[in-house]
């Protein structure tokens, strides 16, 4: 190859290298120009979404749902003229008897009571959603919320009332309608434990091998047995509580334990719910 040919080859290589470098610079420039625009749109969208969520949260906080406690003030302020109820019970007979008794209450002509939902079994998310949409109070007779229904009710401020005696429910609703509610004790859940095994112990009875699902199981606390969302036995007491071979005063969430509540018909997959009664001033 002659000197002239070598010179031309060198010029061609330089030209190709310059074209490649120019192409890289163009791509880099485009990357710098485009990416910030995409990021800016994402940031703007996230900002608007955050503002919308904040407005919804502020609106929800500003809404005061009706409860048996604030019913009288809502009546006086002209915000309400009727009390809407949803009744759930363990058997159809209890639901029907409670509804009939409530509808027969003599509360005068200024206010009304209406049952907009009824059913047998645990309180479901559909029940809570109905209460949210209609601003109703849920009455649970020997039943409890199933799944995440309790969390939804608490988050949305839905008033759920639990009863095991019909006349107590009737008295509270009547007192609320007549503005005669007095300070009361409310139930505060301490913990729940799922029964994994059942052991028959001589002279003791049934002892449940459990896994604590939430909160804390405490010795001497009040307890009830729940089966498929229905209260099977109430007004029990945690009489014995053990971790392996040791007697303990409490067992926290995620740990296994042996629980004795003086109830022999306990079964695997039952739930032991423990609670205490705390004084709650009326507002």
C-alpha atoms as a PDB file:
ATOM      1  CA  UNK A   1       0.000   0.000   0.000  1.00  0.00           C
ATOM      2  CA  UNK A   2       1.357   3.394  -1.016  1.00  0.00           C
ATOM      3  CA  UNK A   3       1.714   6.439   1.212  1.00  0.00           C
ATOM      4  CA  UNK A   4      -1.296   8.097  -0.403  1.00  0.00           C
ATOM      5  CA  UNK A   5      -3.488   5.057   0.212  1.00  0.00           C
ATOM      6  CA  UNK A   6      -2.394   4.852   3.841  1.00  0.00           C
ATOM      7  CA  UNK A   7      -3.208   8.546   4.259  1.00  0.00           C
ATOM      8  CA  UNK A   8      -6.705   8.092   2.820  1.00  0.00           C
ATOM      9  CA  UNK A   9      -7.315   5.098   5.066  1.00  0.00           C
ATOM     10  CA  UNK A  10      -6.329   7.159   8.095  1.00  0.00           C
ATOM     11  CA  UNK A  11      -8.691   9.977   7.040  1.00  0.00           C
ATOM     12  CA  UNK A  12     -11.594   7.508   6.654  1.00  0.00           C
ATOM     13  CA  UNK A  13     -10.989   6.015  10.088  1.00  0.00           C
ATOM     14  CA  UNK A  14     -10.867   9.470  11.649  1.00  0.00           C
ATOM     15  CA  UNK A  15     -14.107  10.404   9.892  1.00  0.00           C
ATOM     16  CA  UNK A  16     -15.886   7.241  11.125  1.00  0.00           C
ATOM     17  CA  UNK A  17     -14.624   7.823  14.659  1.00  0.00           C
ATOM     18  CA  UNK A  18     -15.885  11.411  14.561  1.00  0.00           C
ATOM     19  CA  UNK A  19     -19.318  10.237  13.362  1.00  0.00           C
ATOM     20  CA  UNK A  20     -19.526   7.693  16.208  1.00  0.00           C
ATOM     21  CA  UNK A  21     -18.542  10.288  18.799  1.00  0.00           C
ATOM     22  CA  UNK A  22     -21.113  12.723  17.414  1.00  0.00           C
ATOM     23  CA  UNK A  23     -23.820  10.020  17.570  1.00  0.00           C
ATOM     24  CA  UNK A  24     -22.954   9.258  21.218  1.00  0.00           C
ATOM     25  CA  UNK A  25     -23.110  12.952  22.100  1.00  0.00           C
ATOM     26  CA  UNK A  26     -26.529  13.233  20.434  1.00  0.00           C
ATOM     27  CA  UNK A  27     -27.846  10.222  22.355  1.00  0.00           C
ATOM     28  CA  UNK A  28     -26.465  11.575  25.618  1.00  0.00           C
ATOM     29  CA  UNK A  29     -28.049  14.937  24.940  1.00  0.00           C
ATOM     30  CA  UNK A  30     -31.397  13.299  24.172  1.00  0.00           C
ATOM     31  CA  UNK A  31     -31.163  11.206  27.355  1.00  0.00           C
ATOM     32  CA  UNK A  32     -30.486  14.322  29.406  1.00  0.00           C
ATOM     33  CA  UNK A  33     -33.398  16.180  27.790  1.00  0.00           C
ATOM     34  CA  UNK A  34     -36.033  13.417  27.855  1.00  0.00           C
ATOM     35  CA  UNK A  35     -35.513  11.708  31.187  1.00  0.00           C
ATOM     36  CA  UNK A  36     -36.062  14.802  33.319  1.00  0.00           C
ATOM     37  CA  UNK A  37     -39.374  15.345  31.467  1.00  0.00           C
ATOM     38  CA  UNK A  38     -40.519  11.801  32.321  1.00  0.00           C
ATOM     39  CA  UNK A  39     -39.400  12.166  35.919  1.00  0.00           C
ATOM     40  CA  UNK A  40     -41.122  15.541  36.180  1.00  0.00           C
ATOM     41  CA  UNK A  41     -44.425  14.065  34.948  1.00  0.00           C
ATOM     42  CA  UNK A  42     -44.111  11.240  37.470  1.00  0.00           C
ATOM     43  CA  UNK A  43     -43.379  13.678  40.261  1.00  0.00           C
ATOM     44  CA  UNK A  44     -46.331  15.854  39.279  1.00  0.00           C
ATOM     45  CA  UNK A  45     -48.646  12.828  39.159  1.00  0.00           C
ATOM     46  CA  UNK A  46     -47.468  11.627  42.548  1.00  0.00           C
ATOM     47  CA  UNK A  47     -47.972  15.103  43.993  1.00  0.00           C
ATOM     48  CA  UNK A  48     -51.553  15.313  42.704  1.00  0.00           C
ATOM     49  CA  UNK A  49     -52.300  11.817  43.992  1.00  0.00           C
ATOM     50  CA  UNK A  50     -50.948  12.749  47.427  1.00  0.00           C
ATOM     51  CA  UNK A  51     -53.053  15.921  47.487  1.00  0.00           C
ATOM     52  CA  UNK A  52     -56.176  13.942  46.534  1.00  0.00           C
ATOM     53  CA  UNK A  53     -55.556  11.404  49.291  1.00  0.00           C
ATOM     54  CA  UNK A  54     -55.048  14.194  51.796  1.00  0.00           C
ATOM     55  CA  UNK A  55     -58.334  15.844  50.774  1.00  0.00           C
ATOM     56  CA  UNK A  56     -60.173  12.525  51.141  1.00  0.00           C
ATOM     57  CA  UNK A  57     -58.607  11.936  54.579  1.00  0.00           C
ATOM     58  CA  UNK A  58     -59.525  15.449  55.713  1.00  0.00           C
ATOM     59  CA  UNK A  59     -63.089  14.966  54.476  1.00  0.00           C
ATOM     60  CA  UNK A  60     -63.396  11.636  56.301  1.00  0.00           C
ATOM     61  CA  UNK A  61     -62.066  13.169  59.511  1.00  0.00           C
ATOM     62  CA  UNK A  62     -64.562  15.992  59.223  1.00  0.00           C
ATOM     63  CA  UNK A  63     -67.494  13.592  58.992  1.00  0.00           C
ATOM     64  CA  UNK A  64     -69.006  12.519  62.303  1.00  0.00           C
ATOM     65  CA  UNK A  65     -70.700   9.148  62.015  1.00  0.00           C
ATOM     66  CA  UNK A  66     -73.726   8.484  64.150  1.00  0.00           C
ATOM     67  CA  UNK A  67     -73.207   6.408  67.296  1.00  0.00           C
ATOM     68  CA  UNK A  68     -75.446   5.667  70.244  1.00  0.00           C
ATOM     69  CA  UNK A  69     -73.354   8.174  72.235  1.00  0.00           C
ATOM     70  CA  UNK A  70     -73.746  11.156  69.896  1.00  0.00           C
ATOM     71  CA  UNK A  71     -77.294  10.338  68.812  1.00  0.00           C
ATOM     72  CA  UNK A  72     -78.917  12.814  71.208  1.00  0.00           C
ATOM     73  CA  UNK A  73     -76.714  15.713  70.107  1.00  0.00           C
ATOM     74  CA  UNK A  74     -77.321  14.807  66.451  1.00  0.00           C
ATOM     75  CA  UNK A  75     -81.082  14.916  67.079  1.00  0.00           C
ATOM     76  CA  UNK A  76     -80.857  18.272  68.856  1.00  0.00           C
ATOM     77  CA  UNK A  77     -78.717  19.748  66.088  1.00  0.00           C
ATOM     78  CA  UNK A  78     -81.238  18.643  63.505  1.00  0.00           C
ATOM     79  CA  UNK A  79     -78.699  16.412  61.779  1.00  0.00           C
ATOM     80  CA  UNK A  80     -80.718  13.240  62.346  1.00  0.00           C
ATOM     81  CA  UNK A  81     -84.366  12.296  62.669  1.00  0.00           C
ATOM     82  CA  UNK A  82     -83.988   8.532  62.623  1.00  0.00           C
ATOM     83  CA  UNK A  83     -81.692   5.785  63.844  1.00  0.00           C
ATOM     84  CA  UNK A  84     -80.718   3.162  61.241  1.00  0.00           C
ATOM     85  CA  UNK A  85     -79.704  -0.286  62.486  1.00  0.00           C
ATOM     86  CA  UNK A  86     -78.107  -3.404  61.023  1.00  0.00           C
ATOM     87  CA  UNK A  87     -78.719  -6.524  63.138  1.00  0.00           C
ATOM     88  CA  UNK A  88     -76.548  -9.649  62.970  1.00  0.00           C
ATOM     89  CA  UNK A  89     -77.032 -12.641  65.274  1.00  0.00           C
ATOM     90  CA  UNK A  90     -76.013 -16.215  65.893  1.00  0.00           C
ATOM     91  CA  UNK A  91     -79.446 -17.664  65.002  1.00  0.00           C
ATOM     92  CA  UNK A  92     -82.449 -16.362  63.076  1.00  0.00           C
ATOM     93  CA  UNK A  93     -84.683 -16.536  66.151  1.00  0.00           C
ATOM     94  CA  UNK A  94     -82.492 -14.090  68.055  1.00  0.00           C
ATOM     95  CA  UNK A  95     -82.348 -11.673  65.125  1.00  0.00           C
ATOM     96  CA  UNK A  96     -86.116 -11.727  64.666  1.00  0.00           C
ATOM     97  CA  UNK A  97     -86.845 -11.359  68.391  1.00  0.00           C
ATOM     98  CA  UNK A  98     -84.415  -8.445  68.729  1.00  0.00           C
ATOM     99  CA  UNK A  99     -85.761  -6.668  65.653  1.00  0.00           C
ATOM    100  CA  UNK A 100     -89.374  -7.085  66.784  1.00  0.00           C
ATOM    101  CA  UNK A 101     -88.577  -5.755  70.265  1.00  0.00           C
ATOM    102  CA  UNK A 102     -86.680  -2.742  68.919  1.00  0.00           C
ATOM    103  CA  UNK A 103     -89.390  -1.792  66.448  1.00  0.00           C
ATOM    104  CA  UNK A 104     -91.943  -1.814  69.277  1.00  0.00           C
ATOM    105  CA  UNK A 105     -90.032   0.799  71.293  1.00  0.00           C
ATOM    106  CA  UNK A 106     -92.095   3.858  72.106  1.00  0.00           C
ATOM    107  CA  UNK A 107     -89.772   6.719  71.227  1.00  0.00           C
ATOM    108  CA  UNK A 108     -92.335   9.357  70.377  1.00  0.00           C
ATOM    109  CA  UNK A 109     -93.078  11.045  67.063  1.00  0.00           C
ATOM    110  CA  UNK A 110     -89.952  13.174  66.709  1.00  0.00           C
ATOM    111  CA  UNK A 111     -87.563  10.337  65.943  1.00  0.00           C
ATOM    112  CA  UNK A 112     -87.841   6.988  64.185  1.00  0.00           C
ATOM    113  CA  UNK A 113     -85.998   3.689  64.264  1.00  0.00           C
ATOM    114  CA  UNK A 114     -85.519   1.598  61.126  1.00  0.00           C
ATOM    115  CA  UNK A 115     -83.742  -1.742  60.550  1.00  0.00           C
ATOM    116  CA  UNK A 116     -82.092  -1.650  57.112  1.00  0.00           C
ATOM    117  CA  UNK A 117     -80.201  -4.930  57.302  1.00  0.00           C
ATOM    118  CA  UNK A 118     -80.367  -8.221  59.174  1.00  0.00           C
ATOM    119  CA  UNK A 119     -78.751 -11.629  58.938  1.00  0.00           C
ATOM    120  CA  UNK A 120     -77.321 -14.678  60.653  1.00  0.00           C
ATOM    121  CA  UNK A 121     -73.582 -15.172  61.159  1.00  0.00           C
ATOM    122  CA  UNK A 122     -70.477 -13.061  61.609  1.00  0.00           C
ATOM    123  CA  UNK A 123     -70.428  -9.342  60.814  1.00  0.00           C
ATOM    124  CA  UNK A 124     -68.980  -9.057  57.295  1.00  0.00           C
ATOM    125  CA  UNK A 125     -67.371  -6.299  55.259  1.00  0.00           C
ATOM    126  CA  UNK A 126     -70.656  -6.017  53.320  1.00  0.00           C
ATOM    127  CA  UNK A 127     -72.425  -5.204  56.595  1.00  0.00           C
ATOM    128  CA  UNK A 128     -69.811  -2.562  57.423  1.00  0.00           C
ATOM    129  CA  UNK A 129     -69.980  -1.066  53.921  1.00  0.00           C
ATOM    130  CA  UNK A 130     -73.763  -0.815  54.235  1.00  0.00           C
ATOM    131  CA  UNK A 131     -73.315   0.954  57.583  1.00  0.00           C
ATOM    132  CA  UNK A 132     -70.796   3.333  56.006  1.00  0.00           C
ATOM    133  CA  UNK A 133     -73.089   4.169  53.088  1.00  0.00           C
ATOM    134  CA  UNK A 134     -76.191   4.671  55.247  1.00  0.00           C
ATOM    135  CA  UNK A 135     -74.573   5.935  58.469  1.00  0.00           C
ATOM    136  CA  UNK A 136     -76.090   3.063  60.440  1.00  0.00           C
ATOM    137  CA  UNK A 137     -75.193   1.396  63.738  1.00  0.00           C
ATOM    138  CA  UNK A 138     -74.443  -2.352  63.707  1.00  0.00           C
ATOM    139  CA  UNK A 139     -75.777  -4.555  66.492  1.00  0.00           C
ATOM    140  CA  UNK A 140     -74.050  -7.910  66.903  1.00  0.00           C
ATOM    141  CA  UNK A 141     -75.870 -10.466  69.057  1.00  0.00           C
ATOM    142  CA  UNK A 142     -73.427 -13.249  70.009  1.00  0.00           C
ATOM    143  CA  UNK A 143     -71.386 -12.615  66.844  1.00  0.00           C
ATOM    144  CA  UNK A 144     -68.179 -10.800  65.990  1.00  0.00           C
ATOM    145  CA  UNK A 145     -66.628  -9.291  62.808  1.00  0.00           C
ATOM    146  CA  UNK A 146     -65.139 -11.737  60.319  1.00  0.00           C
ATOM    147  CA  UNK A 147     -61.821 -11.193  58.545  1.00  0.00           C
ATOM    148  CA  UNK A 148     -60.979  -7.515  58.081  1.00  0.00           C
ATOM    149  CA  UNK A 149     -64.513  -6.274  58.790  1.00  0.00           C
ATOM    150  CA  UNK A 150     -63.497  -5.112  62.273  1.00  0.00           C
ATOM    151  CA  UNK A 151     -60.497  -3.162  60.936  1.00  0.00           C
ATOM    152  CA  UNK A 152     -62.689  -1.518  58.277  1.00  0.00           C
ATOM    153  CA  UNK A 153     -65.290  -0.522  60.872  1.00  0.00           C
ATOM    154  CA  UNK A 154     -62.673   0.953  63.184  1.00  0.00           C
ATOM    155  CA  UNK A 155     -60.992   2.854  60.363  1.00  0.00           C
ATOM    156  CA  UNK A 156     -64.274   4.297  59.103  1.00  0.00           C
ATOM    157  CA  UNK A 157     -65.689   5.037  62.557  1.00  0.00           C
ATOM    158  CA  UNK A 158     -68.650   2.658  62.284  1.00  0.00           C
ATOM    159  CA  UNK A 159     -70.308   2.011  65.662  1.00  0.00           C
ATOM    160  CA  UNK A 160     -70.608  -1.753  66.327  1.00  0.00           C
ATOM    161  CA  UNK A 161     -72.431  -2.820  69.500  1.00  0.00           C
ATOM    162  CA  UNK A 162     -72.011  -6.323  70.929  1.00  0.00           C
ATOM    163  CA  UNK A 163     -74.638  -7.988  73.101  1.00  0.00           C
ATOM    164  CA  UNK A 164     -75.329 -11.424  74.540  1.00  0.00           C
ATOM    165  CA  UNK A 165     -78.623 -10.525  76.268  1.00  0.00           C
ATOM    166  CA  UNK A 166     -81.511  -9.114  74.251  1.00  0.00           C
ATOM    167  CA  UNK A 167     -82.892  -6.777  76.896  1.00  0.00           C
ATOM    168  CA  UNK A 168     -79.503  -5.049  77.253  1.00  0.00           C
ATOM    169  CA  UNK A 169     -79.572  -4.160  73.561  1.00  0.00           C
ATOM    170  CA  UNK A 170     -83.155  -2.934  73.856  1.00  0.00           C
ATOM    171  CA  UNK A 171     -82.373  -0.799  76.919  1.00  0.00           C
ATOM    172  CA  UNK A 172     -79.331   0.855  75.330  1.00  0.00           C
ATOM    173  CA  UNK A 173     -81.072   1.661  72.060  1.00  0.00           C
ATOM    174  CA  UNK A 174     -84.106   3.026  73.917  1.00  0.00           C
ATOM    175  CA  UNK A 175     -81.892   5.109  76.198  1.00  0.00           C
ATOM    176  CA  UNK A 176     -80.004   6.494  73.207  1.00  0.00           C
ATOM    177  CA  UNK A 177     -83.227   7.459  71.469  1.00  0.00           C
ATOM    178  CA  UNK A 178     -84.544   9.146  74.590  1.00  0.00           C
ATOM    179  CA  UNK A 179     -81.247  10.866  75.438  1.00  0.00           C
ATOM    180  CA  UNK A 180     -80.855   8.992  78.723  1.00  0.00           C
ATOM    181  CA  UNK A 181     -77.549   7.221  78.216  1.00  0.00           C
ATOM    182  CA  UNK A 182     -75.353   7.089  81.300  1.00  0.00           C
ATOM    183  CA  UNK A 183     -71.629   6.405  81.605  1.00  0.00           C
ATOM    184  CA  UNK A 184     -70.950   2.811  80.695  1.00  0.00           C
ATOM    185  CA  UNK A 185     -68.238   0.187  80.575  1.00  0.00           C
ATOM    186  CA  UNK A 186     -66.937  -0.741  77.161  1.00  0.00           C
ATOM    187  CA  UNK A 187     -65.156  -3.876  76.100  1.00  0.00           C
ATOM    188  CA  UNK A 188     -61.471  -3.617  75.154  1.00  0.00           C
ATOM    189  CA  UNK A 189     -59.994  -6.571  73.332  1.00  0.00           C
ATOM    190  CA  UNK A 190     -56.685  -7.787  74.755  1.00  0.00           C
ATOM    191  CA  UNK A 191     -55.778 -10.580  72.378  1.00  0.00           C
ATOM    192  CA  UNK A 192     -56.850 -13.551  70.277  1.00  0.00           C
ATOM    193  CA  UNK A 193     -55.421 -17.057  70.080  1.00  0.00           C
ATOM    194  CA  UNK A 194     -56.138 -19.775  67.524  1.00  0.00           C
ATOM    195  CA  UNK A 195     -56.606 -23.298  68.882  1.00  0.00           C
ATOM    196  CA  UNK A 196     -54.156 -25.711  67.208  1.00  0.00           C
ATOM    197  CA  UNK A 197     -54.496 -28.739  69.524  1.00  0.00           C
ATOM    198  CA  UNK A 198     -56.797 -29.833  72.343  1.00  0.00           C
ATOM    199  CA  UNK A 199     -55.464 -31.788  75.311  1.00  0.00           C
ATOM    200  CA  UNK A 200     -57.591 -33.622  77.879  1.00  0.00           C
ATOM    201  CA  UNK A 201     -55.999 -33.246  81.295  1.00  0.00           C
ATOM    202  CA  UNK A 202     -57.298 -35.360  84.236  1.00  0.00           C
ATOM    203  CA  UNK A 203     -59.048 -33.289  86.958  1.00  0.00           C
ATOM    204  CA  UNK A 204     -58.490 -30.156  84.840  1.00  0.00           C
ATOM    205  CA  UNK A 205     -60.499 -30.706  81.672  1.00  0.00           C
ATOM    206  CA  UNK A 206     -59.674 -29.438  78.202  1.00  0.00           C
ATOM    207  CA  UNK A 207     -56.543 -27.352  77.637  1.00  0.00           C
ATOM    208  CA  UNK A 208     -56.124 -25.640  74.293  1.00  0.00           C
ATOM    209  CA  UNK A 209     -52.733 -25.573  72.593  1.00  0.00           C
ATOM    210  CA  UNK A 210     -52.817 -22.173  70.913  1.00  0.00           C
ATOM    211  CA  UNK A 211     -50.916 -19.720  68.769  1.00  0.00           C
ATOM    212  CA  UNK A 212     -51.458 -16.106  69.833  1.00  0.00           C
ATOM    213  CA  UNK A 213     -52.665 -14.284  66.734  1.00  0.00           C
ATOM    214  CA  UNK A 214     -52.959 -10.753  68.078  1.00  0.00           C
ATOM    215  CA  UNK A 215     -52.331  -8.749  71.225  1.00  0.00           C
ATOM    216  CA  UNK A 216     -51.615 -10.565  74.472  1.00  0.00           C
ATOM    217  CA  UNK A 217     -53.289 -13.459  76.252  1.00  0.00           C
ATOM    218  CA  UNK A 218     -53.283 -12.699  79.983  1.00  0.00           C
ATOM    219  CA  UNK A 219     -54.002 -14.969  82.917  1.00  0.00           C
ATOM    220  CA  UNK A 220     -57.279 -14.177  84.757  1.00  0.00           C
ATOM    221  CA  UNK A 221     -58.591 -12.032  81.892  1.00  0.00           C
ATOM    222  CA  UNK A 222     -62.134 -12.465  80.609  1.00  0.00           C
ATOM    223  CA  UNK A 223     -62.521 -14.713  77.586  1.00  0.00           C
ATOM    224  CA  UNK A 224     -64.958 -16.133  75.061  1.00  0.00           C
ATOM    225  CA  UNK A 225     -64.845 -18.917  72.493  1.00  0.00           C
ATOM    226  CA  UNK A 226     -65.578 -18.010  68.857  1.00  0.00           C
ATOM    227  CA  UNK A 227     -66.261 -20.647  66.196  1.00  0.00           C
ATOM    228  CA  UNK A 228     -66.693 -19.546  62.569  1.00  0.00           C
ATOM    229  CA  UNK A 229     -67.456 -15.997  63.684  1.00  0.00           C
ATOM    230  CA  UNK A 230     -70.122 -17.038  66.198  1.00  0.00           C
ATOM    231  CA  UNK A 231     -69.700 -16.808  69.975  1.00  0.00           C
ATOM    232  CA  UNK A 232     -69.994 -20.358  71.335  1.00  0.00           C
ATOM    233  CA  UNK A 233     -69.326 -19.579  74.998  1.00  0.00           C
ATOM    234  CA  UNK A 234     -68.996 -16.274  76.811  1.00  0.00           C
ATOM    235  CA  UNK A 235     -68.182 -14.992  80.310  1.00  0.00           C
ATOM    236  CA  UNK A 236     -65.182 -17.315  80.653  1.00  0.00           C
ATOM    237  CA  UNK A 237     -61.888 -16.677  82.443  1.00  0.00           C
ATOM    238  CA  UNK A 238     -58.333 -17.610  81.512  1.00  0.00           C
ATOM    239  CA  UNK A 239     -57.784 -19.916  84.493  1.00  0.00           C
ATOM    240  CA  UNK A 240     -54.448 -21.380  83.385  1.00  0.00           C
ATOM    241  CA  UNK A 241     -51.747 -20.153  81.026  1.00  0.00           C
ATOM    242  CA  UNK A 242     -48.521 -22.033  80.284  1.00  0.00           C
ATOM    243  CA  UNK A 243     -45.485 -21.786  78.034  1.00  0.00           C
ATOM    244  CA  UNK A 244     -44.150 -25.320  77.673  1.00  0.00           C
ATOM    245  CA  UNK A 245     -44.026 -26.499  81.326  1.00  0.00           C
ATOM    246  CA  UNK A 246     -43.924 -23.061  82.933  1.00  0.00           C
ATOM    247  CA  UNK A 247     -46.865 -21.140  84.335  1.00  0.00           C
ATOM    248  CA  UNK A 248     -46.844 -17.597  82.944  1.00  0.00           C
ATOM    249  CA  UNK A 249     -48.917 -14.455  83.410  1.00  0.00           C
ATOM    250  CA  UNK A 250     -49.073 -13.448  79.732  1.00  0.00           C
ATOM    251  CA  UNK A 251     -48.128 -14.621  76.243  1.00  0.00           C
ATOM    252  CA  UNK A 252     -47.645 -12.208  73.356  1.00  0.00           C
ATOM    253  CA  UNK A 253     -48.482 -12.324  69.659  1.00  0.00           C
ATOM    254  CA  UNK A 254     -46.632 -14.979  67.645  1.00  0.00           C
ATOM    255  CA  UNK A 255     -45.938 -17.335  70.574  1.00  0.00           C
ATOM    256  CA  UNK A 256     -47.514 -20.668  71.412  1.00  0.00           C
ATOM    257  CA  UNK A 257     -49.116 -21.444  74.750  1.00  0.00           C
ATOM    258  CA  UNK A 258     -51.512 -23.693  76.602  1.00  0.00           C
ATOM    259  CA  UNK A 259     -54.773 -22.026  77.665  1.00  0.00           C
ATOM    260  CA  UNK A 260     -57.423 -23.293  80.034  1.00  0.00           C
ATOM    261  CA  UNK A 261     -60.721 -21.437  80.250  1.00  0.00           C
ATOM    262  CA  UNK A 262     -62.887 -24.029  81.982  1.00  0.00           C
ATOM    263  CA  UNK A 263     -64.711 -24.980  78.778  1.00  0.00           C
ATOM    264  CA  UNK A 264     -64.478 -28.612  77.670  1.00  0.00           C
ATOM    265  CA  UNK A 265     -66.107 -28.510  74.223  1.00  0.00           C
ATOM    266  CA  UNK A 266     -63.315 -26.464  72.686  1.00  0.00           C
ATOM    267  CA  UNK A 267     -62.230 -27.532  69.197  1.00  0.00           C
ATOM    268  CA  UNK A 268     -59.316 -27.092  66.803  1.00  0.00           C
ATOM    269  CA  UNK A 269     -59.578 -23.803  64.815  1.00  0.00           C
ATOM    270  CA  UNK A 270     -61.714 -22.194  67.514  1.00  0.00           C
ATOM    271  CA  UNK A 271     -60.584 -18.691  68.526  1.00  0.00           C
ATOM    272  CA  UNK A 272     -60.100 -17.666  72.145  1.00  0.00           C
ATOM    273  CA  UNK A 273     -60.725 -13.943  72.484  1.00  0.00           C
ATOM    274  CA  UNK A 274     -59.672 -12.209  75.688  1.00  0.00           C
ATOM    275  CA  UNK A 275     -60.886  -8.802  76.830  1.00  0.00           C
ATOM    276  CA  UNK A 276     -61.428  -6.468  79.756  1.00  0.00           C
ATOM    277  CA  UNK A 277     -64.121  -3.971  80.639  1.00  0.00           C
ATOM    278  CA  UNK A 278     -63.075  -0.313  80.831  1.00  0.00           C
ATOM    279  CA  UNK A 279     -65.173   2.590  81.977  1.00  0.00           C
ATOM    280  CA  UNK A 280     -66.164   4.830  79.099  1.00  0.00           C
ATOM    281  CA  UNK A 281     -67.700   8.247  79.756  1.00  0.00           C
ATOM    282  CA  UNK A 282     -70.527   9.256  77.447  1.00  0.00           C
ATOM    283  CA  UNK A 283     -69.831  12.189  75.146  1.00  0.00           C
END
